[in-house]
Amino acid sequence: MKNSIFVLAVCIFTTGAILTGCNSSSQNADDAQKKVENAQNNVTEANKNLDKANEEYLADIDNYRKEADAKAAANDKIITDLKARVNIQKKETREDYNKKIAELEQKNAEMKKKMDDYKAQGKENWENFKGDFNHSMDDLGKAFNDLSDNKGK
């Protein structure tokens, strides 16, 4: 009788272990399915965020190009004004004045070309380019101001 109780207990324990194992593998499959779905949702969300960031990046480039074009056009107007003032310069300084105007005109044209030639190459490269371009445009603006302030001298 002890033997039969022991065999019966072993059978019940084995059956319970098998049923519990089946249940947990079903739960593991459900958990795995949920993890896959969560991962897919995360990828979808990340792609949306990436698309939005790329749109903002390209819009920033486009807006900056427009601003740079406006600055270059303003510089062209200043150049035209400076050229008109050449005749009021002293004869001794007229040649030097014309050289400076030509240099500024060349630098302005180079800046336009640099902006036109820029290709989107990543946000970090864009930030570096924009910083360098701003610095160069500021220097060019100072040179225009210096030439305008020193007219006739």
N, C-alpha and C. Protein backbone atom coordinates (compact mmCIF):
# COMPACT_ATOMS: atom_id res chain seq x y z
N MET A 1 0.81 -1.17 0.00
CA MET A 1 0.00 0.00 0.00
C MET A 1 0.86 1.25 0.00
N LYS A 2 1.94 1.22 0.77
CA LYS A 2 2.86 2.34 0.74
C LYS A 2 3.42 2.54 -0.64
N ASN A 3 3.67 1.45 -1.27
CA ASN A 3 4.21 1.50 -2.62
C ASN A 3 3.22 2.14 -3.58
N SER A 4 1.96 1.76 -3.49
CA SER A 4 0.97 2.29 -4.40
C SER A 4 0.71 3.78 -4.13
N ILE A 5 0.76 4.20 -2.88
CA ILE A 5 0.61 5.63 -2.55
C ILE A 5 1.80 6.41 -3.11
N PHE A 6 2.97 5.79 -2.96
CA PHE A 6 4.16 6.46 -3.48
C PHE A 6 4.10 6.59 -5.00
N VAL A 7 3.67 5.55 -5.70
CA VAL A 7 3.54 5.58 -7.16
C VAL A 7 2.49 6.60 -7.56
N LEU A 8 1.37 6.60 -6.84
CA LEU A 8 0.30 7.55 -7.13
C LEU A 8 0.79 8.99 -6.92
N ALA A 9 1.55 9.25 -5.88
CA ALA A 9 2.08 10.59 -5.60
C ALA A 9 3.06 11.01 -6.69
N VAL A 10 3.88 10.07 -7.12
CA VAL A 10 4.83 10.38 -8.19
C VAL A 10 4.09 10.70 -9.47
N CYS A 11 3.04 9.95 -9.79
CA CYS A 11 2.25 10.19 -11.00
C CYS A 11 1.56 11.56 -10.94
N ILE A 12 0.99 11.88 -9.82
CA ILE A 12 0.32 13.18 -9.66
C ILE A 12 1.34 14.31 -9.77
N PHE A 13 2.48 14.13 -9.12
CA PHE A 13 3.52 15.15 -9.19
C PHE A 13 4.02 15.33 -10.63
N THR A 14 4.22 14.25 -11.34
CA THR A 14 4.69 14.31 -12.73
C THR A 14 3.65 14.97 -13.61
N THR A 15 2.40 14.59 -13.44
CA THR A 15 1.32 15.18 -14.22
C THR A 15 1.23 16.68 -13.95
N GLY A 16 1.33 17.05 -12.70
CA GLY A 16 1.30 18.47 -12.33
C GLY A 16 2.47 19.24 -12.95
N ALA A 17 3.61 18.63 -12.94
CA ALA A 17 4.80 19.28 -13.52
C ALA A 17 4.63 19.46 -15.02
N ILE A 18 4.07 18.44 -15.67
CA ILE A 18 3.87 18.53 -17.12
C ILE A 18 2.85 19.61 -17.44
N LEU A 19 1.74 19.64 -16.72
CA LEU A 19 0.71 20.66 -16.97
C LEU A 19 1.23 22.06 -16.67
N THR A 20 1.99 22.21 -15.62
CA THR A 20 2.56 23.51 -15.28
C THR A 20 3.56 23.94 -16.36
N GLY A 21 4.33 23.02 -16.84
CA GLY A 21 5.30 23.31 -17.90
C GLY A 21 4.61 23.74 -19.18
N CYS A 22 3.51 23.13 -19.51
CA CYS A 22 2.76 23.50 -20.70
C CYS A 22 2.17 24.89 -20.56
N ASN A 23 1.67 25.16 -19.38
CA ASN A 23 1.09 26.47 -19.12
C ASN A 23 2.14 27.57 -19.21
N SER A 24 3.31 27.34 -18.62
CA SER A 24 4.32 28.38 -18.63
C SER A 24 4.89 28.58 -20.02
N SER A 25 4.96 27.54 -20.85
CA SER A 25 5.45 27.74 -22.21
C SER A 25 4.44 28.55 -23.01
N SER A 26 3.16 28.36 -22.70
CA SER A 26 2.13 29.17 -23.35
C SER A 26 2.26 30.63 -22.91
N GLN A 27 2.53 30.83 -21.62
CA GLN A 27 2.73 32.19 -21.12
C GLN A 27 4.00 32.79 -21.70
N ASN A 28 5.05 31.98 -21.82
CA ASN A 28 6.29 32.47 -22.42
C ASN A 28 6.07 32.89 -23.87
N ALA A 29 5.24 32.12 -24.58
CA ALA A 29 4.94 32.47 -25.97
C ALA A 29 4.17 33.79 -26.02
N ASP A 30 3.22 33.96 -25.10
CA ASP A 30 2.47 35.22 -25.03
C ASP A 30 3.39 36.39 -24.69
N ASP A 31 4.29 36.16 -23.74
CA ASP A 31 5.25 37.20 -23.36
C ASP A 31 6.16 37.55 -24.53
N ALA A 32 6.61 36.53 -25.24
CA ALA A 32 7.48 36.77 -26.40
C ALA A 32 6.73 37.55 -27.47
N GLN A 33 5.47 37.19 -27.68
CA GLN A 33 4.64 37.90 -28.68
C GLN A 33 4.50 39.37 -28.29
N LYS A 34 4.26 39.63 -27.00
CA LYS A 34 4.12 41.01 -26.53
C LYS A 34 5.43 41.78 -26.70
N LYS A 35 6.55 41.11 -26.42
CA LYS A 35 7.84 41.75 -26.58
C LYS A 35 8.10 42.10 -28.04
N VAL A 36 7.72 41.21 -28.95
CA VAL A 36 7.89 41.47 -30.38
C VAL A 36 7.02 42.66 -30.80
N GLU A 37 5.79 42.67 -30.33
CA GLU A 37 4.88 43.78 -30.67
C GLU A 37 5.41 45.10 -30.12
N ASN A 38 5.92 45.08 -28.88
CA ASN A 38 6.50 46.29 -28.29
C ASN A 38 7.71 46.76 -29.09
N ALA A 39 8.54 45.81 -29.49
CA ALA A 39 9.73 46.17 -30.28
C ALA A 39 9.32 46.77 -31.62
N GLN A 40 8.30 46.19 -32.26
CA GLN A 40 7.81 46.73 -33.53
C GLN A 40 7.25 48.13 -33.34
N ASN A 41 6.52 48.35 -32.26
CA ASN A 41 5.98 49.69 -31.97
C ASN A 41 7.12 50.68 -31.73
N ASN A 42 8.15 50.22 -31.00
CA ASN A 42 9.30 51.10 -30.74
C ASN A 42 10.02 51.47 -32.04
N VAL A 43 10.16 50.50 -32.94
CA VAL A 43 10.81 50.76 -34.23
C VAL A 43 9.97 51.73 -35.05
N THR A 44 8.68 51.53 -35.06
CA THR A 44 7.78 52.43 -35.81
C THR A 44 7.88 53.84 -35.26
N GLU A 45 7.86 53.97 -33.94
CA GLU A 45 7.95 55.29 -33.30
C GLU A 45 9.31 55.93 -33.60
N ALA A 46 10.36 55.13 -33.54
CA ALA A 46 11.71 55.66 -33.82
C ALA A 46 11.80 56.14 -35.27
N ASN A 47 11.20 55.40 -36.19
CA ASN A 47 11.20 55.81 -37.60
C ASN A 47 10.43 57.11 -37.80
N LYS A 48 9.32 57.26 -37.10
CA LYS A 48 8.55 58.50 -37.18
C LYS A 48 9.39 59.67 -36.66
N ASN A 49 10.05 59.45 -35.52
CA ASN A 49 10.90 60.50 -34.94
C ASN A 49 12.05 60.85 -35.88
N LEU A 50 12.64 59.85 -36.51
CA LEU A 50 13.73 60.08 -37.45
C LEU A 50 13.25 60.87 -38.66
N ASP A 51 12.09 60.49 -39.18
CA ASP A 51 11.53 61.22 -40.32
C ASP A 51 11.27 62.68 -39.96
N LYS A 52 10.72 62.90 -38.77
CA LYS A 52 10.43 64.26 -38.32
C LYS A 52 11.74 65.05 -38.17
N ALA A 53 12.75 64.43 -37.59
CA ALA A 53 14.05 65.10 -37.41
C ALA A 53 14.67 65.43 -38.77
N ASN A 54 14.55 64.52 -39.73
CA ASN A 54 15.09 64.78 -41.07
C ASN A 54 14.35 65.92 -41.74
N GLU A 55 13.03 65.96 -41.58
CA GLU A 55 12.25 67.06 -42.15
C GLU A 55 12.67 68.39 -41.55
N GLU A 56 12.86 68.42 -40.23
CA GLU A 56 13.29 69.65 -39.55
C GLU A 56 14.68 70.07 -40.01
N TYR A 57 15.55 69.10 -40.17
CA TYR A 57 16.93 69.35 -40.64
C TYR A 57 16.92 69.95 -42.04
N LEU A 58 16.15 69.35 -42.95
CA LEU A 58 16.08 69.86 -44.32
C LEU A 58 15.40 71.23 -44.37
N ALA A 59 14.40 71.44 -43.51
CA ALA A 59 13.74 72.74 -43.44
C ALA A 59 14.72 73.80 -42.91
N ASP A 60 15.55 73.42 -41.95
CA ASP A 60 16.57 74.34 -41.42
C ASP A 60 17.54 74.75 -42.52
N ILE A 61 17.97 73.78 -43.31
CA ILE A 61 18.88 74.08 -44.42
C ILE A 61 18.21 75.03 -45.41
N ASP A 62 16.96 74.73 -45.75
CA ASP A 62 16.24 75.57 -46.71
C ASP A 62 16.07 76.99 -46.19
N ASN A 63 15.68 77.14 -44.94
CA ASN A 63 15.51 78.47 -44.35
C ASN A 63 16.84 79.22 -44.30
N TYR A 64 17.88 78.51 -43.94
CA TYR A 64 19.20 79.15 -43.85
C TYR A 64 19.68 79.60 -45.23
N ARG A 65 19.40 78.78 -46.24
CA ARG A 65 19.76 79.18 -47.63
C ARG A 65 19.06 80.49 -48.01
N LYS A 66 17.80 80.59 -47.63
CA LYS A 66 17.05 81.81 -47.95
C LYS A 66 17.66 83.01 -47.22
N GLU A 67 18.02 82.82 -45.95
CA GLU A 67 18.65 83.90 -45.19
C GLU A 67 20.00 84.28 -45.81
N ALA A 68 20.78 83.29 -46.20
CA ALA A 68 22.09 83.54 -46.79
C ALA A 68 21.92 84.27 -48.13
N ASP A 69 20.92 83.87 -48.91
CA ASP A 69 20.66 84.55 -50.19
C ASP A 69 20.28 86.01 -49.96
N ALA A 70 19.49 86.26 -48.91
CA ALA A 70 19.09 87.63 -48.60
C ALA A 70 20.31 88.46 -48.19
N LYS A 71 21.22 87.86 -47.39
CA LYS A 71 22.44 88.58 -46.99
C LYS A 71 23.32 88.86 -48.20
N ALA A 72 23.44 87.88 -49.09
CA ALA A 72 24.26 88.07 -50.28
C ALA A 72 23.66 89.15 -51.18
N ALA A 73 22.34 89.18 -51.29
CA ALA A 73 21.67 90.23 -52.08
C ALA A 73 21.90 91.60 -51.45
N ALA A 74 21.85 91.66 -50.13
CA ALA A 74 22.12 92.93 -49.45
C ALA A 74 23.57 93.35 -49.69
N ASN A 75 24.48 92.39 -49.68
CA ASN A 75 25.88 92.70 -49.98
C ASN A 75 26.04 93.20 -51.41
N ASP A 76 25.30 92.61 -52.34
CA ASP A 76 25.35 93.08 -53.73
C ASP A 76 24.89 94.53 -53.83
N LYS A 77 23.87 94.88 -53.07
CA LYS A 77 23.39 96.26 -53.07
C LYS A 77 24.47 97.20 -52.51
N ILE A 78 25.12 96.76 -51.44
CA ILE A 78 26.20 97.57 -50.87
C ILE A 78 27.32 97.74 -51.89
N ILE A 79 27.64 96.67 -52.59
CA ILE A 79 28.69 96.75 -53.62
C ILE A 79 28.31 97.76 -54.69
N THR A 80 27.06 97.72 -55.12
CA THR A 80 26.59 98.68 -56.12
C THR A 80 26.71 100.11 -55.59
N ASP A 81 26.34 100.32 -54.35
CA ASP A 81 26.46 101.65 -53.74
C ASP A 81 27.92 102.09 -53.64
N LEU A 82 28.79 101.15 -53.26
CA LEU A 82 30.22 101.48 -53.15
C LEU A 82 30.80 101.84 -54.52
N LYS A 83 30.39 101.11 -55.53
CA LYS A 83 30.89 101.40 -56.89
C LYS A 83 30.43 102.78 -57.35
N ALA A 84 29.23 103.15 -56.93
CA ALA A 84 28.71 104.47 -57.30
C ALA A 84 29.49 105.58 -56.61
N ARG A 85 30.10 105.28 -55.48
CA ARG A 85 30.86 106.28 -54.73
C ARG A 85 32.30 106.43 -55.22
N VAL A 86 32.71 105.58 -56.13
CA VAL A 86 34.11 105.61 -56.59
C VAL A 86 34.48 107.00 -57.10
N ASN A 87 33.58 107.64 -57.80
CA ASN A 87 33.89 108.93 -58.41
C ASN A 87 34.11 110.04 -57.40
N ILE A 88 33.59 109.86 -56.19
CA ILE A 88 33.79 110.91 -55.19
C ILE A 88 35.08 110.69 -54.39
N GLN A 89 35.76 109.59 -54.67
CA GLN A 89 37.02 109.30 -53.98
C GLN A 89 38.13 110.19 -54.52
N LYS A 90 39.08 110.42 -53.69
CA LYS A 90 40.28 111.14 -54.11
C LYS A 90 40.97 110.29 -55.16
N LYS A 91 41.58 110.94 -56.10
CA LYS A 91 42.22 110.22 -57.20
C LYS A 91 43.26 109.22 -56.69
N GLU A 92 43.97 109.57 -55.63
CA GLU A 92 45.01 108.71 -55.09
C GLU A 92 44.43 107.43 -54.47
N THR A 93 43.25 107.51 -53.95
CA THR A 93 42.67 106.35 -53.26
C THR A 93 41.68 105.58 -54.12
N ARG A 94 41.35 106.11 -55.28
CA ARG A 94 40.34 105.49 -56.13
C ARG A 94 40.72 104.06 -56.55
N GLU A 95 41.97 103.86 -56.93
CA GLU A 95 42.41 102.54 -57.38
C GLU A 95 42.35 101.53 -56.23
N ASP A 96 42.82 101.95 -55.07
CA ASP A 96 42.78 101.08 -53.90
C ASP A 96 41.34 100.75 -53.52
N TYR A 97 40.47 101.74 -53.61
CA TYR A 97 39.05 101.57 -53.30
C TYR A 97 38.43 100.55 -54.26
N ASN A 98 38.75 100.68 -55.56
CA ASN A 98 38.23 99.73 -56.55
C ASN A 98 38.73 98.30 -56.28
N LYS A 99 39.99 98.16 -55.86
CA LYS A 99 40.53 96.84 -55.54
C LYS A 99 39.77 96.22 -54.36
N LYS A 100 39.54 97.02 -53.35
CA LYS A 100 38.83 96.52 -52.17
C LYS A 100 37.40 96.11 -52.53
N ILE A 101 36.77 96.92 -53.37
CA ILE A 101 35.40 96.57 -53.81
C ILE A 101 35.43 95.25 -54.57
N ALA A 102 36.41 95.09 -55.47
CA ALA A 102 36.52 93.86 -56.25
C ALA A 102 36.76 92.65 -55.34
N GLU A 103 37.60 92.82 -54.32
CA GLU A 103 37.85 91.73 -53.37
C GLU A 103 36.57 91.34 -52.63
N LEU A 104 35.84 92.34 -52.18
CA LEU A 104 34.60 92.06 -51.46
C LEU A 104 33.56 91.42 -52.38
N GLU A 105 33.53 91.86 -53.60
CA GLU A 105 32.60 91.28 -54.57
C GLU A 105 32.94 89.81 -54.82
N GLN A 106 34.25 89.52 -54.93
CA GLN A 106 34.70 88.14 -55.12
C GLN A 106 34.35 87.28 -53.91
N LYS A 107 34.60 87.78 -52.71
CA LYS A 107 34.28 87.03 -51.49
C LYS A 107 32.78 86.77 -51.39
N ASN A 108 31.98 87.74 -51.75
CA ASN A 108 30.52 87.58 -51.72
C ASN A 108 30.09 86.49 -52.70
N ALA A 109 30.69 86.50 -53.89
CA ALA A 109 30.37 85.48 -54.89
C ALA A 109 30.80 84.09 -54.39
N GLU A 110 31.96 84.01 -53.73
CA GLU A 110 32.42 82.73 -53.18
C GLU A 110 31.47 82.22 -52.11
N MET A 111 30.97 83.13 -51.28
CA MET A 111 30.04 82.73 -50.23
C MET A 111 28.73 82.21 -50.84
N LYS A 112 28.25 82.86 -51.88
CA LYS A 112 27.04 82.39 -52.56
C LYS A 112 27.27 80.98 -53.10
N LYS A 113 28.41 80.78 -53.75
CA LYS A 113 28.72 79.47 -54.34
C LYS A 113 28.86 78.41 -53.24
N LYS A 114 29.51 78.77 -52.16
CA LYS A 114 29.68 77.83 -51.05
C LYS A 114 28.32 77.37 -50.52
N MET A 115 27.39 78.32 -50.39
CA MET A 115 26.05 77.97 -49.91
C MET A 115 25.32 77.13 -50.95
N ASP A 116 25.41 77.50 -52.20
CA ASP A 116 24.73 76.76 -53.26
C ASP A 116 25.27 75.34 -53.40
N ASP A 117 26.56 75.16 -53.16
CA ASP A 117 27.19 73.86 -53.33
C ASP A 117 27.01 72.93 -52.14
N TYR A 118 26.52 73.45 -51.02
CA TYR A 118 26.39 72.61 -49.83
C TYR A 118 25.34 71.53 -50.08
N LYS A 119 25.73 70.31 -49.76
CA LYS A 119 24.82 69.17 -49.84
C LYS A 119 24.58 68.65 -48.43
N ALA A 120 23.36 68.27 -48.16
CA ALA A 120 23.01 67.76 -46.83
C ALA A 120 23.84 66.51 -46.53
N GLN A 121 24.65 66.61 -45.47
CA GLN A 121 25.56 65.51 -45.12
C GLN A 121 25.49 65.18 -43.64
N GLY A 122 24.36 65.39 -43.05
CA GLY A 122 24.22 65.07 -41.63
C GLY A 122 24.15 66.32 -40.78
N LYS A 123 23.47 66.20 -39.68
CA LYS A 123 23.23 67.35 -38.80
C LYS A 123 24.51 67.93 -38.23
N GLU A 124 25.44 67.08 -37.82
CA GLU A 124 26.70 67.58 -37.24
C GLU A 124 27.49 68.37 -38.28
N ASN A 125 27.59 67.83 -39.49
CA ASN A 125 28.28 68.56 -40.57
C ASN A 125 27.58 69.87 -40.88
N TRP A 126 26.25 69.85 -40.82
CA TRP A 126 25.48 71.06 -41.10
C TRP A 126 25.77 72.12 -40.06
N GLU A 127 25.78 71.73 -38.80
CA GLU A 127 26.04 72.70 -37.73
C GLU A 127 27.44 73.30 -37.88
N ASN A 128 28.41 72.47 -38.23
CA ASN A 128 29.78 72.97 -38.45
C ASN A 128 29.83 73.93 -39.64
N PHE A 129 29.18 73.53 -40.73
CA PHE A 129 29.14 74.38 -41.93
C PHE A 129 28.48 75.71 -41.61
N LYS A 130 27.35 75.65 -40.92
CA LYS A 130 26.59 76.87 -40.61
C LYS A 130 27.42 77.80 -39.73
N GLY A 131 28.11 77.25 -38.75
CA GLY A 131 28.96 78.08 -37.89
C GLY A 131 30.07 78.76 -38.67
N ASP A 132 30.74 78.00 -39.53
CA ASP A 132 31.81 78.57 -40.36
C ASP A 132 31.25 79.62 -41.32
N PHE A 133 30.10 79.30 -41.91
CA PHE A 133 29.49 80.22 -42.88
C PHE A 133 29.08 81.52 -42.19
N ASN A 134 28.48 81.42 -41.02
CA ASN A 134 28.09 82.62 -40.26
C ASN A 134 29.31 83.48 -39.95
N HIS A 135 30.37 82.84 -39.53
CA HIS A 135 31.59 83.56 -39.20
C HIS A 135 32.13 84.29 -40.44
N SER A 136 32.16 83.60 -41.56
CA SER A 136 32.65 84.21 -42.81
C SER A 136 31.75 85.36 -43.26
N MET A 137 30.44 85.17 -43.13
CA MET A 137 29.51 86.24 -43.52
C MET A 137 29.64 87.45 -42.60
N ASP A 138 29.85 87.20 -41.32
CA ASP A 138 30.06 88.31 -40.38
C ASP A 138 31.33 89.08 -40.72
N ASP A 139 32.40 88.35 -41.04
CA ASP A 139 33.65 89.00 -41.44
C ASP A 139 33.45 89.83 -42.71
N LEU A 140 32.70 89.29 -43.65
CA LEU A 140 32.43 90.01 -44.89
C LEU A 140 31.61 91.27 -44.61
N GLY A 141 30.63 91.15 -43.74
CA GLY A 141 29.82 92.32 -43.37
C GLY A 141 30.66 93.40 -42.71
N LYS A 142 31.60 92.99 -41.86
CA LYS A 142 32.50 93.96 -41.21
C LYS A 142 33.38 94.65 -42.25
N ALA A 143 33.83 93.88 -43.22
CA ALA A 143 34.67 94.46 -44.28
C ALA A 143 33.88 95.49 -45.08
N PHE A 144 32.62 95.20 -45.36
CA PHE A 144 31.77 96.18 -46.06
C PHE A 144 31.61 97.44 -45.23
N ASN A 145 31.36 97.26 -43.95
CA ASN A 145 31.19 98.42 -43.06
C ASN A 145 32.47 99.24 -42.98
N ASP A 146 33.60 98.56 -42.87
CA ASP A 146 34.88 99.26 -42.80
C ASP A 146 35.12 100.09 -44.06
N LEU A 147 34.82 99.50 -45.20
CA LEU A 147 35.04 100.21 -46.47
C LEU A 147 34.07 101.39 -46.57
N SER A 148 32.84 101.19 -46.15
CA SER A 148 31.86 102.27 -46.19
C SER A 148 32.24 103.39 -45.23
N ASP A 149 32.73 103.04 -44.06
CA ASP A 149 33.10 104.03 -43.06
C ASP A 149 34.34 104.81 -43.47
N ASN A 150 35.23 104.19 -44.24
CA ASN A 150 36.48 104.82 -44.63
C ASN A 150 36.40 105.48 -46.00
N LYS A 151 35.24 105.70 -46.52
CA LYS A 151 35.11 106.27 -47.86
C LYS A 151 35.75 107.66 -47.92
N GLY A 152 36.43 107.85 -49.00
CA GLY A 152 37.03 109.17 -49.23
C GLY A 152 38.30 109.41 -48.45
N LYS A 153 38.81 108.42 -47.75
CA LYS A 153 40.02 108.64 -46.93
C LYS A 153 41.19 107.98 -47.57
